[in-house]
């Protein structure tokens, strides 16, 4: 793990942020391909 991240809590929140971003990207792709209709 990179030293500049500091404590474990930062790593935990970074992981949560990455998971949220990935989930949003998946939803966006599904929206663009017409699989889901969350925003419409």
Protein backbone atom coordinates (compact mmCIF):
# COMPACT_ATOMS: atom_id res chain seq x y z
CA UNK A 1 0.00 0.00 0.00
CA UNK A 2 1.21 3.53 -0.76
CA UNK A 3 2.56 5.32 2.30
CA UNK A 4 0.93 8.68 1.47
CA UNK A 5 -2.57 7.30 2.10
CA UNK A 6 -1.91 7.25 5.83
CA UNK A 7 -4.22 5.24 8.08
CA UNK A 8 -6.37 2.25 7.20
CA UNK A 9 -9.54 4.37 7.31
CA UNK A 10 -8.37 6.31 4.27
CA UNK A 11 -7.82 3.09 2.38
CA UNK A 12 -11.29 1.90 3.39
CA UNK A 13 -12.97 5.09 2.17
CA UNK A 14 -10.91 5.00 -1.03
CA UNK A 15 -12.16 1.45 -1.68
CA UNK A 16 -15.75 2.56 -1.03
CA UNK A 17 -15.33 5.51 -3.40
CA UNK A 18 -13.93 3.26 -6.13
CA UNK A 19 -16.83 0.82 -5.74
CA UNK A 20 -19.36 3.67 -5.98
CA UNK A 21 -17.69 5.05 -9.11
CA UNK A 22 -17.61 1.61 -10.73
CA UNK A 23 -21.29 1.09 -9.90
CA UNK A 24 -22.17 4.46 -11.46
CA UNK A 25 -20.19 3.60 -14.60
CA UNK A 26 -22.01 0.26 -14.92
CA UNK A 27 -25.40 1.96 -14.50
CA UNK A 28 -24.45 4.62 -17.04
CA UNK A 29 -23.39 1.99 -19.58
CA UNK A 30 -26.64 0.07 -19.04
CA UNK A 31 -28.58 3.31 -19.53
CA UNK A 32 -26.75 4.07 -22.77
CA UNK A 33 -27.36 0.57 -24.11
CA UNK A 34 -31.04 0.72 -23.15
CA UNK A 35 -30.95 -2.19 -20.71
CA UNK A 36 -32.27 -0.19 -17.77
CA UNK A 37 -34.42 2.92 -17.49
CA UNK A 38 -33.46 4.49 -14.19
CA UNK A 39 -33.11 8.05 -15.44
CA UNK A 40 -35.99 8.02 -17.90
